[in-house]
């Protein structure tokens, strides 16, 4: 489970791991797919104080590196 903290009127936001002490009390719970979707937005970052950056950013980067394959 992940938490989205700070998104108000398209402002910047941070994704945290559940239980992260850096997350605000008003943070909204997210499943993994929703957390990855949030991180794909330019104004959202992953928290480095918890496992969010270490866990989610490699997954997001892997998905962005996937491209069409050629069938030569």
PDB file of N, CA and C in Angstrom:
ATOM      1  N   UNK A   1       0.850  -1.173   0.000  1.00  0.00           N
ATOM      2  CA  UNK A   1       0.000   0.000   0.000  1.00  0.00           C
ATOM      3  C   UNK A   1       0.895   1.235   0.000  1.00  0.00           C
ATOM      4  N   UNK A   2       0.459   2.228  -0.697  1.00  0.00           N
ATOM      5  CA  UNK A   2       1.204   3.479  -0.849  1.00  0.00           C
ATOM      6  C   UNK A   2       0.320   4.639  -0.432  1.00  0.00           C
ATOM      7  N   UNK A   3       0.913   5.802  -0.227  1.00  0.00           N
ATOM      8  CA  UNK A   3       0.177   6.996   0.166  1.00  0.00           C
ATOM      9  C   UNK A   3       0.549   8.143  -0.757  1.00  0.00           C
ATOM     10  N   UNK A   4      -0.454   8.909  -1.174  1.00  0.00           N
ATOM     11  CA  UNK A   4      -0.226  10.102  -1.997  1.00  0.00           C
ATOM     12  C   UNK A   4      -0.442  11.312  -1.109  1.00  0.00           C
ATOM     13  N   UNK A   5       0.576  12.127  -0.994  1.00  0.00           N
ATOM     14  CA  UNK A   5       0.576  13.263  -0.090  1.00  0.00           C
ATOM     15  C   UNK A   5       0.780  14.557  -0.866  1.00  0.00           C
ATOM     16  N   UNK A   6      -0.079  15.537  -0.653  1.00  0.00           N
ATOM     17  CA  UNK A   6       0.170  16.874  -1.156  1.00  0.00           C
ATOM     18  C   UNK A   6      -0.513  17.283  -2.432  1.00  0.00           C
ATOM     19  N   UNK A   7      -1.217  16.398  -3.122  1.00  0.00           N
ATOM     20  CA  UNK A   7      -1.828  16.798  -4.391  1.00  0.00           C
ATOM     21  C   UNK A   7      -3.082  17.623  -4.117  1.00  0.00           C
ATOM     22  N   UNK A   8      -3.000  18.907  -4.426  1.00  0.00           N
ATOM     23  CA  UNK A   8      -4.154  19.788  -4.335  1.00  0.00           C
ATOM     24  C   UNK A   8      -4.170  20.668  -5.567  1.00  0.00           C
ATOM     25  N   UNK A   9      -5.227  20.617  -6.314  1.00  0.00           N
ATOM     26  CA  UNK A   9      -5.376  21.441  -7.521  1.00  0.00           C
ATOM     27  C   UNK A   9      -4.176  21.327  -8.447  1.00  0.00           C
ATOM     28  N   UNK A  10      -3.792  20.102  -8.719  1.00  0.00           N
ATOM     29  CA  UNK A  10      -2.693  19.788  -9.640  1.00  0.00           C
ATOM     30  C   UNK A  10      -1.319  20.262  -9.159  1.00  0.00           C
ATOM     31  N   UNK A  11      -1.183  20.516  -7.889  1.00  0.00           N
ATOM     32  CA  UNK A  11       0.109  20.930  -7.341  1.00  0.00           C
ATOM     33  C   UNK A  11       1.021  19.732  -7.166  1.00  0.00           C
ATOM     34  N   UNK A  12       2.231  19.963  -6.670  1.00  0.00           N
ATOM     35  CA  UNK A  12       3.184  18.864  -6.477  1.00  0.00           C
ATOM     36  C   UNK A  12       2.703  17.876  -5.419  1.00  0.00           C
ATOM     37  N   UNK A  13       3.121  16.648  -5.562  1.00  0.00           N
ATOM     38  CA  UNK A  13       2.731  15.599  -4.630  1.00  0.00           C
ATOM     39  C   UNK A  13       3.887  14.628  -4.445  1.00  0.00           C
ATOM     40  N   UNK A  14       3.781  13.818  -3.401  1.00  0.00           N
ATOM     41  CA  UNK A  14       4.795  12.816  -3.100  1.00  0.00           C
ATOM     42  C   UNK A  14       4.114  11.492  -2.805  1.00  0.00           C
ATOM     43  N   UNK A  15       4.676  10.417  -3.346  1.00  0.00           N
ATOM     44  CA  UNK A  15       4.201   9.068  -3.038  1.00  0.00           C
ATOM     45  C   UNK A  15       5.096   8.505  -1.936  1.00  0.00           C
ATOM     46  N   UNK A  16       4.470   7.985  -0.886  1.00  0.00           N
ATOM     47  CA  UNK A  16       5.165   7.395   0.261  1.00  0.00           C
ATOM     48  C   UNK A  16       4.743   5.940   0.418  1.00  0.00           C
ATOM     49  N   UNK A  17       5.572   5.159   1.076  1.00  0.00           N
ATOM     50  CA  UNK A  17       5.169   3.818   1.503  1.00  0.00           C
ATOM     51  C   UNK A  17       4.251   3.972   2.709  1.00  0.00           C
ATOM     52  N   UNK A  18       3.328   3.048   2.856  1.00  0.00           N
ATOM     53  CA  UNK A  18       2.433   3.078   4.009  1.00  0.00           C
ATOM     54  C   UNK A  18       3.263   3.055   5.295  1.00  0.00           C
ATOM     55  N   UNK A  19       2.922   3.914   6.215  1.00  0.00           N
ATOM     56  CA  UNK A  19       3.646   3.977   7.471  1.00  0.00           C
ATOM     57  C   UNK A  19       4.818   4.936   7.480  1.00  0.00           C
ATOM     58  N   UNK A  20       5.110   5.590   6.360  1.00  0.00           N
ATOM     59  CA  UNK A  20       6.230   6.528   6.283  1.00  0.00           C
ATOM     60  C   UNK A  20       5.966   7.714   7.213  1.00  0.00           C
ATOM     61  N   UNK A  21       6.935   8.033   8.036  1.00  0.00           N
ATOM     62  CA  UNK A  21       6.780   9.140   8.980  1.00  0.00           C
ATOM     63  C   UNK A  21       6.782  10.502   8.284  1.00  0.00           C
ATOM     64  N   UNK A  22       7.247  10.566   7.055  1.00  0.00           N
ATOM     65  CA  UNK A  22       7.273  11.823   6.314  1.00  0.00           C
ATOM     66  C   UNK A  22       5.930  12.151   5.663  1.00  0.00           C
ATOM     67  N   UNK A  23       5.014  11.188   5.601  1.00  0.00           N
ATOM     68  CA  UNK A  23       3.697  11.412   4.989  1.00  0.00           C
ATOM     69  C   UNK A  23       2.804  12.185   5.950  1.00  0.00           C
ATOM     70  N   UNK A  24       2.030  13.099   5.402  1.00  0.00           N
ATOM     71  CA  UNK A  24       1.089  13.870   6.211  1.00  0.00           C
ATOM     72  C   UNK A  24      -0.118  13.009   6.584  1.00  0.00           C
ATOM     73  N   UNK A  25      -0.801  13.403   7.614  1.00  0.00           N
ATOM     74  CA  UNK A  25      -1.993  12.670   8.055  1.00  0.00           C
ATOM     75  C   UNK A  25      -3.082  12.648   6.990  1.00  0.00           C
ATOM     76  N   UNK A  26      -3.080  13.622   6.112  1.00  0.00           N
ATOM     77  CA  UNK A  26      -4.132  13.717   5.086  1.00  0.00           C
ATOM     78  C   UNK A  26      -3.794  12.929   3.810  1.00  0.00           C
ATOM     79  N   UNK A  27      -2.695  12.203   3.796  1.00  0.00           N
ATOM     80  CA  UNK A  27      -2.295  11.431   2.608  1.00  0.00           C
ATOM     81  C   UNK A  27      -3.352  10.388   2.272  1.00  0.00           C
ATOM     82  N   UNK A  28      -3.552  10.175   0.992  1.00  0.00           N
ATOM     83  CA  UNK A  28      -4.572   9.246   0.500  1.00  0.00           C
ATOM     84  C   UNK A  28      -3.947   7.903   0.147  1.00  0.00           C
ATOM     85  N   UNK A  29      -4.573   6.788   0.537  1.00  0.00           N
ATOM     86  CA  UNK A  29      -4.033   5.470   0.201  1.00  0.00           C
ATOM     87  C   UNK A  29      -4.159   5.173  -1.299  1.00  0.00           C
ATOM     88  N   UNK A  30      -3.165   4.470  -1.821  1.00  0.00           N
ATOM     89  CA  UNK A  30      -3.146   4.071  -3.234  1.00  0.00           C
ATOM     90  C   UNK A  30      -2.688   2.626  -3.342  1.00  0.00           C
ATOM     91  N   UNK A  31      -3.169   1.929  -4.369  1.00  0.00           N
ATOM     92  CA  UNK A  31      -2.586   0.627  -4.680  1.00  0.00           C
ATOM     93  C   UNK A  31      -1.343   0.875  -5.547  1.00  0.00           C
ATOM     94  N   UNK A  32      -0.619  -0.160  -5.864  1.00  0.00           N
ATOM     95  CA  UNK A  32       0.646   0.003  -6.589  1.00  0.00           C
ATOM     96  C   UNK A  32       0.442   0.611  -7.974  1.00  0.00           C
ATOM     97  N   UNK A  33      -0.553   0.172  -8.704  1.00  0.00           N
ATOM     98  CA  UNK A  33      -0.789   0.717 -10.043  1.00  0.00           C
ATOM     99  C   UNK A  33      -1.121   2.205  -9.982  1.00  0.00           C
ATOM    100  N   UNK A  34      -1.938   2.603  -9.025  1.00  0.00           N
ATOM    101  CA  UNK A  34      -2.278   4.024  -8.871  1.00  0.00           C
ATOM    102  C   UNK A  34      -1.058   4.841  -8.462  1.00  0.00           C
ATOM    103  N   UNK A  35      -0.200   4.268  -7.632  1.00  0.00           N
ATOM    104  CA  UNK A  35       1.030   4.959  -7.237  1.00  0.00           C
ATOM    105  C   UNK A  35       1.938   5.176  -8.447  1.00  0.00           C
ATOM    106  N   UNK A  36       2.057   4.163  -9.297  1.00  0.00           N
ATOM    107  CA  UNK A  36       2.867   4.296 -10.509  1.00  0.00           C
ATOM    108  C   UNK A  36       2.264   5.328 -11.460  1.00  0.00           C
ATOM    109  N   UNK A  37       0.937   5.331 -11.581  1.00  0.00           N
ATOM    110  CA  UNK A  37       0.267   6.337 -12.410  1.00  0.00           C
ATOM    111  C   UNK A  37       0.551   7.741 -11.886  1.00  0.00           C
ATOM    112  N   UNK A  38       0.488   7.911 -10.572  1.00  0.00           N
ATOM    113  CA  UNK A  38       0.770   9.221  -9.973  1.00  0.00           C
ATOM    114  C   UNK A  38       2.205   9.640 -10.248  1.00  0.00           C
ATOM    115  N   UNK A  39       3.142   8.710 -10.130  1.00  0.00           N
ATOM    116  CA  UNK A  39       4.555   9.028 -10.363  1.00  0.00           C
ATOM    117  C   UNK A  39       4.863   9.338 -11.826  1.00  0.00           C
ATOM    118  N   UNK A  40       4.012   8.918 -12.719  1.00  0.00           N
ATOM    119  CA  UNK A  40       4.211   9.224 -14.140  1.00  0.00           C
ATOM    120  C   UNK A  40       3.892  10.691 -14.443  1.00  0.00           C
ATOM    121  N   UNK A  41       3.243  11.374 -13.515  1.00  0.00           N
ATOM    122  CA  UNK A  41       2.933  12.795 -13.691  1.00  0.00           C
ATOM    123  C   UNK A  41       4.156  13.626 -13.306  1.00  0.00           C
ATOM    124  N   UNK A  42       4.464  14.667 -14.070  1.00  0.00           N
ATOM    125  CA  UNK A  42       5.680  15.451 -13.824  1.00  0.00           C
ATOM    126  C   UNK A  42       5.748  16.095 -12.440  1.00  0.00           C
ATOM    127  N   UNK A  43       4.624  16.400 -11.830  1.00  0.00           N
ATOM    128  CA  UNK A  43       4.647  17.114 -10.552  1.00  0.00           C
ATOM    129  C   UNK A  43       4.661  16.189  -9.337  1.00  0.00           C
ATOM    130  N   UNK A  44       4.851  14.882  -9.551  1.00  0.00           N
ATOM    131  CA  UNK A  44       4.842  13.923  -8.447  1.00  0.00           C
ATOM    132  C   UNK A  44       6.218  13.296  -8.285  1.00  0.00           C
ATOM    133  N   UNK A  45       6.674  13.197  -7.040  1.00  0.00           N
ATOM    134  CA  UNK A  45       7.952  12.578  -6.731  1.00  0.00           C
ATOM    135  C   UNK A  45       7.737  11.390  -5.794  1.00  0.00           C
ATOM    136  N   UNK A  46       8.743  10.561  -5.679  1.00  0.00           N
ATOM    137  CA  UNK A  46       8.719   9.429  -4.749  1.00  0.00           C
ATOM    138  C   UNK A  46       9.566   9.784  -3.539  1.00  0.00           C
ATOM    139  N   UNK A  47       9.069   9.483  -2.373  1.00  0.00           N
ATOM    140  CA  UNK A  47       9.777   9.760  -1.125  1.00  0.00           C
ATOM    141  C   UNK A  47      11.056   8.924  -1.055  1.00  0.00           C
ATOM    142  N   UNK A  48      12.131   9.566  -0.617  1.00  0.00           N
ATOM    143  CA  UNK A  48      13.390   8.849  -0.444  1.00  0.00           C
ATOM    144  C   UNK A  48      13.625   8.466   1.016  1.00  0.00           C
ATOM    145  N   UNK A  49      12.744   8.901   1.918  1.00  0.00           N
ATOM    146  CA  UNK A  49      12.873   8.551   3.332  1.00  0.00           C
ATOM    147  C   UNK A  49      12.296   7.170   3.624  1.00  0.00           C
ATOM    148  N   UNK A  50      11.538   6.638   2.691  1.00  0.00           N
ATOM    149  CA  UNK A  50      10.940   5.309   2.847  1.00  0.00           C
ATOM    150  C   UNK A  50      11.268   4.480   1.600  1.00  0.00           C
ATOM    151  N   UNK A  51      10.575   3.399   1.409  1.00  0.00           N
ATOM    152  CA  UNK A  51      10.846   2.502   0.278  1.00  0.00           C
ATOM    153  C   UNK A  51      10.230   2.948  -1.047  1.00  0.00           C
ATOM    154  N   UNK A  52       9.500   4.054  -1.069  1.00  0.00           N
ATOM    155  CA  UNK A  52       8.781   4.440  -2.284  1.00  0.00           C
ATOM    156  C   UNK A  52       9.710   4.638  -3.478  1.00  0.00           C
ATOM    157  N   UNK A  53      10.740   5.439  -3.331  1.00  0.00           N
ATOM    158  CA  UNK A  53      11.646   5.702  -4.463  1.00  0.00           C
ATOM    159  C   UNK A  53      12.383   4.442  -4.878  1.00  0.00           C
ATOM    160  N   UNK A  54      12.896   3.704  -3.910  1.00  0.00           N
ATOM    161  CA  UNK A  54      13.683   2.504  -4.200  1.00  0.00           C
ATOM    162  C   UNK A  54      12.844   1.406  -4.858  1.00  0.00           C
ATOM    163  N   UNK A  55      11.583   1.326  -4.496  1.00  0.00           N
ATOM    164  CA  UNK A  55      10.720   0.271  -5.015  1.00  0.00           C
ATOM    165  C   UNK A  55      10.015   0.658  -6.309  1.00  0.00           C
ATOM    166  N   UNK A  56       9.432   1.855  -6.341  1.00  0.00           N
ATOM    167  CA  UNK A  56       8.569   2.227  -7.462  1.00  0.00           C
ATOM    168  C   UNK A  56       9.306   2.813  -8.666  1.00  0.00           C
ATOM    169  N   UNK A  57      10.342   3.598  -8.444  1.00  0.00           N
ATOM    170  CA  UNK A  57      11.008   4.249  -9.576  1.00  0.00           C
ATOM    171  C   UNK A  57      11.639   3.265 -10.560  1.00  0.00           C
ATOM    172  N   UNK A  58      12.267   2.175 -10.103  1.00  0.00           N
ATOM    173  CA  UNK A  58      12.786   1.207 -11.079  1.00  0.00           C
ATOM    174  C   UNK A  58      11.675   0.567 -11.923  1.00  0.00           C
ATOM    175  N   UNK A  59      10.528   0.334 -11.320  1.00  0.00           N
ATOM    176  CA  UNK A  59       9.395  -0.233 -12.072  1.00  0.00           C
ATOM    177  C   UNK A  59       8.933   0.761 -13.124  1.00  0.00           C
ATOM    178  N   UNK A  60       8.806   2.010 -12.722  1.00  0.00           N
ATOM    179  CA  UNK A  60       8.367   3.052 -13.647  1.00  0.00           C
ATOM    180  C   UNK A  60       9.381   3.229 -14.775  1.00  0.00           C
ATOM    181  N   UNK A  61      10.654   3.229 -14.457  1.00  0.00           N
ATOM    182  CA  UNK A  61      11.694   3.388 -15.477  1.00  0.00           C
ATOM    183  C   UNK A  61      11.700   2.207 -16.444  1.00  0.00           C
ATOM    184  N   UNK A  62      11.497   1.012 -15.934  1.00  0.00           N
ATOM    185  CA  UNK A  62      11.463  -0.174 -16.787  1.00  0.00           C
ATOM    186  C   UNK A  62      10.324  -0.073 -17.795  1.00  0.00           C
ATOM    187  N   UNK A  63       9.181   0.371 -17.359  1.00  0.00           N
ATOM    188  CA  UNK A  63       8.039   0.513 -18.250  1.00  0.00           C
ATOM    189  C   UNK A  63       8.271   1.560 -19.322  1.00  0.00           C
ATOM    190  N   UNK A  64       9.019   2.612 -19.005  1.00  0.00           N
ATOM    191  CA  UNK A  64       9.290   3.666 -19.971  1.00  0.00           C
ATOM    192  C   UNK A  64      10.333   3.256 -20.983  1.00  0.00           C
ATOM    193  N   UNK A  65      11.167   2.300 -20.614  1.00  0.00           N
ATOM    194  CA  UNK A  65      12.207   1.841 -21.536  1.00  0.00           C
ATOM    195  C   UNK A  65      11.702   0.789 -22.513  1.00  0.00           C
ATOM    196  N   UNK A  66      10.522   0.274 -22.260  1.00  0.00           N
ATOM    197  CA  UNK A  66       9.953  -0.718 -23.163  1.00  0.00           C
ATOM    198  C   UNK A  66       9.476  -0.012 -24.413  1.00  0.00           C
ATOM    199  N   UNK A  67       9.862  -0.480 -25.529  1.00  0.00           N
ATOM    200  CA  UNK A  67       9.433   0.128 -26.783  1.00  0.00           C
ATOM    201  C   UNK A  67       8.986  -0.955 -27.738  1.00  0.00           C
ATOM    202  N   UNK A  68       8.515  -0.556 -28.877  1.00  0.00           N
ATOM    203  CA  UNK A  68       8.096  -1.550 -29.860  1.00  0.00           C
ATOM    204  C   UNK A  68       9.305  -2.392 -30.320  1.00  0.00           C
ATOM    205  N   UNK A  69       9.053  -3.624 -30.560  1.00  0.00           N
ATOM    206  CA  UNK A  69      10.119  -4.491 -31.071  1.00  0.00           C
ATOM    207  C   UNK A  69       9.971  -4.629 -32.563  1.00  0.00           C
ATOM    208  N   UNK A  70      11.087  -4.769 -33.222  1.00  0.00           N
ATOM    209  CA  UNK A  70      11.027  -4.953 -34.677  1.00  0.00           C
ATOM    210  C   UNK A  70      11.024  -6.438 -34.991  1.00  0.00           C
ATOM    211  N   UNK A  71      10.441  -6.765 -36.076  1.00  0.00           N
ATOM    212  CA  UNK A  71      10.395  -8.183 -36.486  1.00  0.00           C
ATOM    213  C   UNK A  71      11.165  -8.359 -37.789  1.00  0.00           C
ATOM    214  N   UNK A  72      12.434  -8.007 -37.744  1.00  0.00           N
ATOM    215  CA  UNK A  72      13.281  -8.120 -38.940  1.00  0.00           C
ATOM    216  C   UNK A  72      13.603  -9.540 -39.248  1.00  0.00           C
TER     217      UNK A  72
END
